[in-house]
Amino acid sequence: MNAVQKRLAFVWLALMALLSATIGASYVFTGAPSAVVSLGIAAVKAALVFWFFMQLGDEKGLIRLFAVGAIVWLGILVAFTVLDYAAR
């Protein structure tokens, strides 16, 4: 097994561990803490997928800048959605 396969196997194992953490958190936490913990675990899983499977770790500045910009824009859209829901 070469270095790339070992790295991808490690990432896959990390994603499986985070999946089990998500399942465990659904039994342990209830209410608002459940949403916070689940979104935190989902953010870590998304970061692993972006960094390793989409190969953002190998890219240079402009590609990373656009990826961060997309994540920031998604955060803005989610924030406005939450604010709209809270204002009703």
Protein backbone atom coordinates (compact mmCIF):
# COMPACT_ATOMS: atom_id res chain seq x y z
CA MET A 1 0.00 0.00 0.00
CA ASN A 2 1.51 3.35 -1.01
CA ALA A 3 1.39 6.64 0.88
CA VAL A 4 -1.71 7.96 -0.90
CA GLN A 5 -3.70 4.83 -0.14
CA LYS A 6 -2.63 4.96 3.50
CA ARG A 7 -3.68 8.60 3.75
CA LEU A 8 -7.06 7.91 2.18
CA ALA A 9 -7.58 4.89 4.44
CA PHE A 10 -6.80 7.08 7.46
CA VAL A 11 -9.30 9.71 6.28
CA TRP A 12 -11.92 7.04 5.71
CA LEU A 13 -11.36 5.68 9.23
CA ALA A 14 -11.62 9.22 10.62
CA LEU A 15 -14.92 9.72 8.77
CA MET A 16 -16.22 6.43 10.14
CA ALA A 17 -15.21 7.48 13.67
CA LEU A 18 -17.00 10.80 13.19
CA LEU A 19 -20.05 8.93 11.94
CA SER A 20 -20.10 6.86 15.11
CA ALA A 21 -19.62 10.08 17.12
CA THR A 22 -22.66 11.54 15.37
CA ILE A 23 -24.74 8.48 16.18
CA GLY A 24 -23.54 8.48 19.79
CA ALA A 25 -24.22 12.20 20.17
CA SER A 26 -27.79 11.71 18.99
CA TYR A 27 -28.38 9.46 22.00
CA VAL A 28 -26.48 11.56 24.54
CA PHE A 29 -27.49 15.14 23.69
CA THR A 30 -31.02 16.50 23.35
CA GLY A 31 -32.38 19.89 22.34
CA ALA A 32 -30.12 22.76 21.33
CA PRO A 33 -26.85 21.07 22.40
CA SER A 34 -27.65 18.22 20.02
CA ALA A 35 -27.81 20.60 17.07
CA VAL A 36 -24.57 22.33 18.05
CA VAL A 37 -22.67 19.06 18.49
CA SER A 38 -24.08 17.58 15.28
CA LEU A 39 -23.20 20.66 13.24
CA GLY A 40 -19.71 20.70 14.73
CA ILE A 41 -19.12 17.07 13.78
CA ALA A 42 -20.57 17.73 10.32
CA ALA A 43 -18.19 20.67 9.85
CA VAL A 44 -15.21 18.47 10.69
CA LYS A 45 -16.42 15.81 8.25
CA ALA A 46 -16.90 18.42 5.52
CA ALA A 47 -13.42 19.81 6.17
CA LEU A 48 -11.90 16.34 5.82
CA VAL A 49 -13.73 15.77 2.54
CA PHE A 50 -12.72 19.18 1.18
CA TRP A 51 -9.09 18.88 2.25
CA PHE A 52 -8.36 15.30 1.20
CA PHE A 53 -10.92 14.08 -1.33
CA MET A 54 -11.31 17.40 -3.15
CA GLN A 55 -7.52 17.88 -2.78
CA LEU A 56 -7.62 21.44 -1.45
CA GLY A 57 -4.46 20.67 0.49
CA ASP A 58 -2.55 20.35 -2.79
CA GLU A 59 -3.95 23.50 -4.40
CA LYS A 60 -2.51 27.01 -4.36
CA GLY A 61 -3.90 30.28 -3.04
CA LEU A 62 -6.67 31.30 -5.43
CA ILE A 63 -8.44 27.94 -5.38
CA ARG A 64 -8.33 27.91 -1.57
CA LEU A 65 -9.59 31.51 -1.50
CA PHE A 66 -12.60 30.60 -3.61
CA ALA A 67 -13.30 27.56 -1.41
CA VAL A 68 -13.20 29.70 1.73
CA GLY A 69 -15.36 32.31 -0.01
CA ALA A 70 -17.96 29.66 -0.82
CA ILE A 71 -18.03 28.50 2.79
CA VAL A 72 -18.35 32.09 4.05
CA TRP A 73 -21.18 32.75 1.59
CA LEU A 74 -22.96 29.60 2.75
CA GLY A 75 -22.57 30.80 6.34
CA ILE A 76 -24.10 34.16 5.42
CA LEU A 77 -27.07 32.45 3.77
CA VAL A 78 -27.61 30.20 6.79
CA ALA A 79 -27.32 33.18 9.16
CA PHE A 80 -29.94 35.16 7.23
CA THR A 81 -32.23 32.14 7.18
CA VAL A 82 -31.92 31.74 10.96
CA LEU A 83 -32.49 35.47 11.49
CA ASP A 84 -35.59 35.39 9.29
CA TYR A 85 -36.95 32.39 11.15
CA ALA A 86 -36.22 34.01 14.54
CA ALA A 87 -37.90 37.28 13.54
CA ARG A 88 -41.24 35.67 12.72
